[in-house]
Structure formats: structure tokens, C-alpha cells
Amino acid sequence: MIRHIVDFFGDEAQTRLRRRLFYLVLVLVVAADFVVPREHAEYLWERLPGWSAAYGFGSCVLLIFVSKFLGHQGGLMRREDYYD
């Protein structure tokens, strides 16, 4: 069973199916956010449908860009043969 999973994520022939599955999951997450009751929300933006998905996506993208910046421009990244 694990072999099928590894082949699914590692095989180039499965790229189109993986991408469709990824988009389906994204649509389901945003659609599920429309079903959640909003009476417990404290702030205006928490009442917006899709806010959680957009906030999570934006935070993830920001985290990637900040870590790339710190790694390349901030001097945290070293050459592969730095300790040799």
C-alpha cells in the first residue's frame, strides 16, 4: 500500500491527477468554511466566508518568503561544503 502512495506522489505521469486532487481539496476547504456557524466570531473579518482559508494561505506564503529572505540575504544559508 505504501508503494502505491509513494508512486502516486513521485511519478511524473500522475502530475495531472495530483493537481486536480489538490484543487478539489482546496475547493472543499473553502466550501466547508461557508457551513461553519459564525455567531462565535468576535471580529468582522472572522464572519467573512473563506477568511480562514485565505488567512492560512497568505500566512504560509509570507512564511516561505521571509524564510527565503533570511536564508539568502540574511546570511543564514551556507554553501554545501562550508564545513570542509
PDB file of N, CA and C in Angstrom:
ATOM      1  N   MET A   1       0.802  -1.185   0.000  1.00  0.00           N
ATOM      2  CA  MET A   1       0.000   0.000   0.000  1.00  0.00           C
ATOM      3  C   MET A   1       0.853   1.259   0.000  1.00  0.00           C
ATOM      4  N   ILE A   2       1.909   1.267   0.804  1.00  0.00           N
ATOM      5  CA  ILE A   2       2.771   2.450   0.859  1.00  0.00           C
ATOM      6  C   ILE A   2       3.455   2.668  -0.485  1.00  0.00           C
ATOM      7  N   ARG A   3       3.707   1.592  -1.211  1.00  0.00           N
ATOM      8  CA  ARG A   3       4.333   1.708  -2.526  1.00  0.00           C
ATOM      9  C   ARG A   3       3.431   2.471  -3.492  1.00  0.00           C
ATOM     10  N   HIS A   4       2.129   2.226  -3.421  1.00  0.00           N
ATOM     11  CA  HIS A   4       1.190   2.936  -4.290  1.00  0.00           C
ATOM     12  C   HIS A   4       1.163   4.429  -3.958  1.00  0.00           C
ATOM     13  N   ILE A   5       1.241   4.744  -2.693  1.00  0.00           N
ATOM     14  CA  ILE A   5       1.232   6.145  -2.277  1.00  0.00           C
ATOM     15  C   ILE A   5       2.508   6.841  -2.734  1.00  0.00           C
ATOM     16  N   VAL A   6       3.648   6.176  -2.564  1.00  0.00           N
ATOM     17  CA  VAL A   6       4.923   6.755  -3.000  1.00  0.00           C
ATOM     18  C   VAL A   6       4.944   6.916  -4.507  1.00  0.00           C
ATOM     19  N   ASP A   7       4.447   5.920  -5.219  1.00  0.00           N
ATOM     20  CA  ASP A   7       4.393   6.026  -6.674  1.00  0.00           C
ATOM     21  C   ASP A   7       3.460   7.149  -7.116  1.00  0.00           C
ATOM     22  N   PHE A   8       2.369   7.341  -6.405  1.00  0.00           N
ATOM     23  CA  PHE A   8       1.429   8.402  -6.754  1.00  0.00           C
ATOM     24  C   PHE A   8       2.072   9.774  -6.625  1.00  0.00           C
ATOM     25  N   PHE A   9       2.804  10.016  -5.540  1.00  0.00           N
ATOM     26  CA  PHE A   9       3.403  11.327  -5.321  1.00  0.00           C
ATOM     27  C   PHE A   9       4.742  11.502  -6.017  1.00  0.00           C
ATOM     28  N   GLY A  10       5.390  10.422  -6.422  1.00  0.00           N
ATOM     29  CA  GLY A  10       6.703  10.541  -7.039  1.00  0.00           C
ATOM     30  C   GLY A  10       6.715  10.396  -8.545  1.00  0.00           C
ATOM     31  N   ASP A  11       5.656   9.876  -9.118  1.00  0.00           N
ATOM     32  CA  ASP A  11       5.629   9.598 -10.549  1.00  0.00           C
ATOM     33  C   ASP A  11       5.181  10.832 -11.320  1.00  0.00           C
ATOM     34  N   GLU A  12       5.914  11.173 -12.375  1.00  0.00           N
ATOM     35  CA  GLU A  12       5.569  12.321 -13.207  1.00  0.00           C
ATOM     36  C   GLU A  12       4.281  12.097 -13.992  1.00  0.00           C
ATOM     37  N   ALA A  13       3.936  10.852 -14.243  1.00  0.00           N
ATOM     38  CA  ALA A  13       2.725  10.550 -15.002  1.00  0.00           C
ATOM     39  C   ALA A  13       1.469  10.887 -14.203  1.00  0.00           C
ATOM     40  N   GLN A  14       1.579  10.971 -12.901  1.00  0.00           N
ATOM     41  CA  GLN A  14       0.439  11.254 -12.028  1.00  0.00           C
ATOM     42  C   GLN A  14       0.276  12.749 -11.730  1.00  0.00           C
ATOM     43  N   THR A  15       1.045  13.582 -12.400  1.00  0.00           N
ATOM     44  CA  THR A  15       1.033  15.012 -12.092  1.00  0.00           C
ATOM     45  C   THR A  15      -0.338  15.633 -12.305  1.00  0.00           C
ATOM     46  N   ARG A  16      -0.963  15.311 -13.403  1.00  0.00           N
ATOM     47  CA  ARG A  16      -2.270  15.897 -13.706  1.00  0.00           C
ATOM     48  C   ARG A  16      -3.320  15.486 -12.673  1.00  0.00           C
ATOM     49  N   LEU A  17      -3.313  14.220 -12.276  1.00  0.00           N
ATOM     50  CA  LEU A  17      -4.255  13.731 -11.275  1.00  0.00           C
ATOM     51  C   LEU A  17      -3.987  14.366  -9.913  1.00  0.00           C
ATOM     52  N   ARG A  18      -2.713  14.511  -9.542  1.00  0.00           N
ATOM     53  CA  ARG A  18      -2.365  15.155  -8.267  1.00  0.00           C
ATOM     54  C   ARG A  18      -2.838  16.600  -8.238  1.00  0.00           C
ATOM     55  N   ARG A  19      -2.643  17.301  -9.336  1.00  0.00           N
ATOM     56  CA  ARG A  19      -3.057  18.699  -9.393  1.00  0.00           C
ATOM     57  C   ARG A  19      -4.571  18.831  -9.277  1.00  0.00           C
ATOM     58  N   ARG A  20      -5.314  17.968  -9.944  1.00  0.00           N
ATOM     59  CA  ARG A  20      -6.774  18.002  -9.846  1.00  0.00           C
ATOM     60  C   ARG A  20      -7.236  17.677  -8.426  1.00  0.00           C
ATOM     61  N   LEU A  21      -6.593  16.701  -7.809  1.00  0.00           N
ATOM     62  CA  LEU A  21      -6.924  16.343  -6.437  1.00  0.00           C
ATOM     63  C   LEU A  21      -6.625  17.507  -5.483  1.00  0.00           C
ATOM     64  N   PHE A  22      -5.520  18.182  -5.701  1.00  0.00           N
ATOM     65  CA  PHE A  22      -5.147  19.335  -4.891  1.00  0.00           C
ATOM     66  C   PHE A  22      -6.192  20.442  -5.010  1.00  0.00           C
ATOM     67  N   TYR A  23      -6.621  20.760  -6.223  1.00  0.00           N
ATOM     68  CA  TYR A  23      -7.631  21.794  -6.423  1.00  0.00           C
ATOM     69  C   TYR A  23      -8.971  21.389  -5.809  1.00  0.00           C
ATOM     70  N   LEU A  24      -9.306  20.114  -5.891  1.00  0.00           N
ATOM     71  CA  LEU A  24     -10.543  19.641  -5.285  1.00  0.00           C
ATOM     72  C   LEU A  24     -10.521  19.831  -3.768  1.00  0.00           C
ATOM     73  N   VAL A  25      -9.402  19.519  -3.149  1.00  0.00           N
ATOM     74  CA  VAL A  25      -9.270  19.702  -1.697  1.00  0.00           C
ATOM     75  C   VAL A  25      -9.364  21.184  -1.330  1.00  0.00           C
ATOM     76  N   LEU A  26      -8.751  22.054  -2.134  1.00  0.00           N
ATOM     77  CA  LEU A  26      -8.842  23.494  -1.871  1.00  0.00           C
ATOM     78  C   LEU A  26     -10.278  23.982  -1.945  1.00  0.00           C
ATOM     79  N   VAL A  27     -11.015  23.527  -2.952  1.00  0.00           N
ATOM     80  CA  VAL A  27     -12.418  23.925  -3.088  1.00  0.00           C
ATOM     81  C   VAL A  27     -13.237  23.399  -1.918  1.00  0.00           C
ATOM     82  N   LEU A  28     -12.975  22.175  -1.485  1.00  0.00           N
ATOM     83  CA  LEU A  28     -13.708  21.610  -0.355  1.00  0.00           C
ATOM     84  C   LEU A  28     -13.433  22.370   0.942  1.00  0.00           C
ATOM     85  N   VAL A  29     -12.201  22.812   1.141  1.00  0.00           N
ATOM     86  CA  VAL A  29     -11.875  23.564   2.354  1.00  0.00           C
ATOM     87  C   VAL A  29     -12.606  24.900   2.364  1.00  0.00           C
ATOM     88  N   VAL A  30     -12.597  25.599   1.228  1.00  0.00           N
ATOM     89  CA  VAL A  30     -13.292  26.882   1.166  1.00  0.00           C
ATOM     90  C   VAL A  30     -14.805  26.680   1.280  1.00  0.00           C
ATOM     91  N   ALA A  31     -15.335  25.634   0.644  1.00  0.00           N
ATOM     92  CA  ALA A  31     -16.772  25.357   0.724  1.00  0.00           C
ATOM     93  C   ALA A  31     -17.182  24.984   2.147  1.00  0.00           C
ATOM     94  N   ALA A  32     -16.335  24.262   2.855  1.00  0.00           N
ATOM     95  CA  ALA A  32     -16.646  23.895   4.235  1.00  0.00           C
ATOM     96  C   ALA A  32     -16.679  25.124   5.136  1.00  0.00           C
ATOM     97  N   ASP A  33     -15.941  26.141   4.773  1.00  0.00           N
ATOM     98  CA  ASP A  33     -15.930  27.361   5.569  1.00  0.00           C
ATOM     99  C   ASP A  33     -17.260  28.113   5.470  1.00  0.00           C
ATOM    100  N   PHE A  34     -18.045  27.876   4.415  1.00  0.00           N
ATOM    101  CA  PHE A  34     -19.352  28.501   4.285  1.00  0.00           C
ATOM    102  C   PHE A  34     -20.377  27.854   5.219  1.00  0.00           C
ATOM    103  N   VAL A  35     -20.114  26.638   5.683  1.00  0.00           N
ATOM    104  CA  VAL A  35     -21.059  25.890   6.502  1.00  0.00           C
ATOM    105  C   VAL A  35     -20.870  26.182   7.996  1.00  0.00           C
ATOM    106  N   VAL A  36     -19.700  26.651   8.372  1.00  0.00           N
ATOM    107  CA  VAL A  36     -19.375  26.874   9.778  1.00  0.00           C
ATOM    108  C   VAL A  36     -20.228  28.010  10.340  1.00  0.00           C
ATOM    109  N   PRO A  37     -20.852  27.814  11.503  1.00  0.00           N
ATOM    110  CA  PRO A  37     -21.639  28.906  12.109  1.00  0.00           C
ATOM    111  C   PRO A  37     -20.736  30.065  12.536  1.00  0.00           C
ATOM    112  N   ARG A  38     -21.231  31.266  12.384  1.00  0.00           N
ATOM    113  CA  ARG A  38     -20.413  32.462  12.625  1.00  0.00           C
ATOM    114  C   ARG A  38     -20.815  33.239  13.885  1.00  0.00           C
ATOM    115  N   GLU A  39     -21.701  32.729  14.711  1.00  0.00           N
ATOM    116  CA  GLU A  39     -22.142  33.510  15.867  1.00  0.00           C
ATOM    117  C   GLU A  39     -21.058  33.667  16.936  1.00  0.00           C
ATOM    118  N   HIS A  40     -20.031  32.859  16.907  1.00  0.00           N
ATOM    119  CA  HIS A  40     -18.963  32.965  17.905  1.00  0.00           C
ATOM    120  C   HIS A  40     -17.849  33.923  17.484  1.00  0.00           C
ATOM    121  N   ALA A  41     -17.925  34.474  16.284  1.00  0.00           N
ATOM    122  CA  ALA A  41     -16.874  35.350  15.779  1.00  0.00           C
ATOM    123  C   ALA A  41     -16.856  36.669  16.550  1.00  0.00           C
ATOM    124  N   GLU A  42     -15.662  37.118  16.895  1.00  0.00           N
ATOM    125  CA  GLU A  42     -15.527  38.371  17.637  1.00  0.00           C
ATOM    126  C   GLU A  42     -15.261  39.556  16.722  1.00  0.00           C
ATOM    127  N   TYR A  43     -14.569  39.333  15.619  1.00  0.00           N
ATOM    128  CA  TYR A  43     -14.192  40.418  14.725  1.00  0.00           C
ATOM    129  C   TYR A  43     -14.927  40.302  13.399  1.00  0.00           C
ATOM    130  N   LEU A  44     -15.008  41.407  12.694  1.00  0.00           N
ATOM    131  CA  LEU A  44     -15.742  41.469  11.437  1.00  0.00           C
ATOM    132  C   LEU A  44     -15.175  40.507  10.399  1.00  0.00           C
ATOM    133  N   TRP A  45     -13.860  40.446  10.262  1.00  0.00           N
ATOM    134  CA  TRP A  45     -13.257  39.603   9.240  1.00  0.00           C
ATOM    135  C   TRP A  45     -13.439  38.116   9.525  1.00  0.00           C
ATOM    136  N   GLU A  46     -13.684  37.747  10.761  1.00  0.00           N
ATOM    137  CA  GLU A  46     -13.939  36.342  11.074  1.00  0.00           C
ATOM    138  C   GLU A  46     -15.300  35.887  10.577  1.00  0.00           C
ATOM    139  N   ARG A  47     -16.181  36.828  10.293  1.00  0.00           N
ATOM    140  CA  ARG A  47     -17.509  36.487   9.767  1.00  0.00           C
ATOM    141  C   ARG A  47     -17.502  36.285   8.264  1.00  0.00           C
ATOM    142  N   LEU A  48     -16.429  36.661   7.592  1.00  0.00           N
ATOM    143  CA  LEU A  48     -16.353  36.512   6.141  1.00  0.00           C
ATOM    144  C   LEU A  48     -16.123  35.052   5.765  1.00  0.00           C
ATOM    145  N   PRO A  49     -16.934  34.502   4.874  1.00  0.00           N
ATOM    146  CA  PRO A  49     -16.701  33.119   4.420  1.00  0.00           C
ATOM    147  C   PRO A  49     -15.405  33.045   3.618  1.00  0.00           C
ATOM    148  N   GLY A  50     -14.618  32.041   3.894  1.00  0.00           N
ATOM    149  CA  GLY A  50     -13.347  31.868   3.195  1.00  0.00           C
ATOM    150  C   GLY A  50     -12.191  32.603   3.845  1.00  0.00           C
ATOM    151  N   TRP A  51     -12.448  33.345   4.921  1.00  0.00           N
ATOM    152  CA  TRP A  51     -11.394  34.104   5.576  1.00  0.00           C
ATOM    153  C   TRP A  51     -10.307  33.188   6.142  1.00  0.00           C
ATOM    154  N   SER A  52     -10.693  32.099   6.752  1.00  0.00           N
ATOM    155  CA  SER A  52      -9.711  31.198   7.355  1.00  0.00           C
ATOM    156  C   SER A  52      -8.772  30.607   6.306  1.00  0.00           C
ATOM    157  N   ALA A  53      -9.327  30.209   5.169  1.00  0.00           N
ATOM    158  CA  ALA A  53      -8.511  29.642   4.095  1.00  0.00           C
ATOM    159  C   ALA A  53      -7.578  30.698   3.514  1.00  0.00           C
ATOM    160  N   ALA A  54      -8.093  31.899   3.294  1.00  0.00           N
ATOM    161  CA  ALA A  54      -7.262  32.972   2.736  1.00  0.00           C
ATOM    162  C   ALA A  54      -6.166  33.387   3.717  1.00  0.00           C
ATOM    163  N   TYR A  55      -6.515  33.471   4.995  1.00  0.00           N
ATOM    164  CA  TYR A  55      -5.534  33.844   6.010  1.00  0.00           C
ATOM    165  C   TYR A  55      -4.447  32.779   6.139  1.00  0.00           C
ATOM    166  N   GLY A  56      -4.843  31.517   6.135  1.00  0.00           N
ATOM    167  CA  GLY A  56      -3.869  30.433   6.213  1.00  0.00           C
ATOM    168  C   GLY A  56      -2.957  30.401   5.009  1.00  0.00           C
ATOM    169  N   PHE A  57      -3.512  30.595   3.816  1.00  0.00           N
ATOM    170  CA  PHE A  57      -2.699  30.603   2.607  1.00  0.00           C
ATOM    171  C   PHE A  57      -1.740  31.790   2.605  1.00  0.00           C
ATOM    172  N   GLY A  58      -2.239  32.960   2.946  1.00  0.00           N
ATOM    173  CA  GLY A  58      -1.385  34.144   2.986  1.00  0.00           C
ATOM    174  C   GLY A  58      -0.273  34.026   4.019  1.00  0.00           C
ATOM    175  N   SER A  59      -0.594  33.464   5.167  1.00  0.00           N
ATOM    176  CA  SER A  59       0.425  33.265   6.204  1.00  0.00           C
ATOM    177  C   SER A  59       1.503  32.295   5.760  1.00  0.00           C
ATOM    178  N   CYS A  60       1.095  31.243   5.078  1.00  0.00           N
ATOM    179  CA  CYS A  60       2.053  30.258   4.585  1.00  0.00           C
ATOM    180  C   CYS A  60       2.984  30.865   3.541  1.00  0.00           C
ATOM    181  N   VAL A  61       2.421  31.628   2.615  1.00  0.00           N
ATOM    182  CA  VAL A  61       3.236  32.280   1.588  1.00  0.00           C
ATOM    183  C   VAL A  61       4.193  33.283   2.219  1.00  0.00           C
ATOM    184  N   LEU A  62       3.710  34.062   3.178  1.00  0.00           N
ATOM    185  CA  LEU A  62       4.562  35.023   3.866  1.00  0.00           C
ATOM    186  C   LEU A  62       5.696  34.330   4.617  1.00  0.00           C
ATOM    187  N   LEU A  63       5.395  33.228   5.269  1.00  0.00           N
ATOM    188  CA  LEU A  63       6.411  32.467   5.983  1.00  0.00           C
ATOM    189  C   LEU A  63       7.488  31.952   5.039  1.00  0.00           C
ATOM    190  N   ILE A  64       7.100  31.488   3.873  1.00  0.00           N
ATOM    191  CA  ILE A  64       8.071  30.997   2.891  1.00  0.00           C
ATOM    192  C   ILE A  64       8.961  32.135   2.413  1.00  0.00           C
ATOM    193  N   PHE A  65       8.366  33.283   2.075  1.00  0.00           N
ATOM    194  CA  PHE A  65       9.167  34.402   1.584  1.00  0.00           C
ATOM    195  C   PHE A  65      10.105  34.951   2.649  1.00  0.00           C
ATOM    196  N   VAL A  66       9.658  35.046   3.869  1.00  0.00           N
ATOM    197  CA  VAL A  66      10.514  35.540   4.948  1.00  0.00           C
ATOM    198  C   VAL A  66      11.666  34.576   5.199  1.00  0.00           C
ATOM    199  N   SER A  67      11.401  33.275   5.204  1.00  0.00           N
ATOM    200  CA  SER A  67      12.476  32.310   5.441  1.00  0.00           C
ATOM    201  C   SER A  67      13.467  32.296   4.283  1.00  0.00           C
ATOM    202  N   LYS A  68      12.988  32.449   3.053  1.00  0.00           N
ATOM    203  CA  LYS A  68      13.902  32.534   1.908  1.00  0.00           C
ATOM    204  C   LYS A  68      14.764  33.788   2.007  1.00  0.00           C
ATOM    205  N   PHE A  69      14.149  34.903   2.385  1.00  0.00           N
ATOM    206  CA  PHE A  69      14.903  36.146   2.527  1.00  0.00           C
ATOM    207  C   PHE A  69      15.969  36.011   3.604  1.00  0.00           C
ATOM    208  N   LEU A  70      15.590  35.465   4.766  1.00  0.00           N
ATOM    209  CA  LEU A  70      16.562  35.305   5.844  1.00  0.00           C
ATOM    210  C   LEU A  70      17.676  34.343   5.458  1.00  0.00           C
ATOM    211  N   GLY A  71      17.331  33.319   4.706  1.00  0.00           N
ATOM    212  CA  GLY A  71      18.343  32.356   4.299  1.00  0.00           C
ATOM    213  C   GLY A  71      19.330  32.916   3.300  1.00  0.00           C
ATOM    214  N   HIS A  72      18.828  33.620   2.298  1.00  0.00           N
ATOM    215  CA  HIS A  72      19.709  34.105   1.240  1.00  0.00           C
ATOM    216  C   HIS A  72      20.322  35.464   1.559  1.00  0.00           C
ATOM    217  N   GLN A  73      19.520  36.427   1.969  1.00  0.00           N
ATOM    218  CA  GLN A  73      20.004  37.780   2.218  1.00  0.00           C
ATOM    219  C   GLN A  73      20.511  37.970   3.646  1.00  0.00           C
ATOM    220  N   GLY A  74      19.960  37.217   4.571  1.00  0.00           N
ATOM    221  CA  GLY A  74      20.334  37.376   5.971  1.00  0.00           C
ATOM    222  C   GLY A  74      21.590  36.624   6.359  1.00  0.00           C
ATOM    223  N   GLY A  75      22.122  35.823   5.462  1.00  0.00           N
ATOM    224  CA  GLY A  75      23.367  35.119   5.728  1.00  0.00           C
ATOM    225  C   GLY A  75      23.208  33.849   6.544  1.00  0.00           C
ATOM    226  N   LEU A  76      22.010  33.334   6.678  1.00  0.00           N
ATOM    227  CA  LEU A  76      21.825  32.107   7.453  1.00  0.00           C
ATOM    228  C   LEU A  76      22.176  30.860   6.646  1.00  0.00           C
ATOM    229  N   MET A  77      22.073  30.958   5.331  1.00  0.00           N
ATOM    230  CA  MET A  77      22.373  29.810   4.485  1.00  0.00           C
ATOM    231  C   MET A  77      23.866  29.778   4.178  1.00  0.00           C
ATOM    232  N   ARG A  78      24.431  28.616   4.198  1.00  0.00           N
ATOM    233  CA  ARG A  78      25.855  28.440   3.899  1.00  0.00           C
ATOM    234  C   ARG A  78      26.019  27.525   2.698  1.00  0.00           C
ATOM    235  N   ARG A  79      27.195  27.582   2.104  1.00  0.00           N
ATOM    236  CA  ARG A  79      27.497  26.694   0.982  1.00  0.00           C
ATOM    237  C   ARG A  79      27.453  25.246   1.466  1.00  0.00           C
ATOM    238  N   GLU A  80      27.303  24.357   0.515  1.00  0.00           N
ATOM    239  CA  GLU A  80      27.213  22.934   0.860  1.00  0.00           C
ATOM    240  C   GLU A  80      28.515  22.421   1.467  1.00  0.00           C
ATOM    241  N   ASP A  81      29.644  22.946   1.023  1.00  0.00           N
ATOM    242  CA  ASP A  81      30.945  22.495   1.530  1.00  0.00           C
ATOM    243  C   ASP A  81      31.524  23.464   2.582  1.00  0.00           C
ATOM    244  N   TYR A  82      30.672  24.117   3.337  1.00  0.00           N
ATOM    245  CA  TYR A  82      31.101  25.115   4.300  1.00  0.00           C
ATOM    246  C   TYR A  82      31.990  24.537   5.391  1.00  0.00           C
ATOM    247  N   TYR A  83      31.689  23.341   5.862  1.00  0.00           N
ATOM    248  CA  TYR A  83      32.464  22.752   6.970  1.00  0.00           C
ATOM    249  C   TYR A  83      33.653  21.922   6.490  1.00  0.00           C
ATOM    250  N   ASP A  84      33.867  21.810   5.196  1.00  0.00           N
ATOM    251  CA  ASP A  84      35.005  21.017   4.704  1.00  0.00           C
ATOM    252  C   ASP A  84      36.303  21.768   4.733  1.00  0.00           C
TER     253      ASP A  84
END
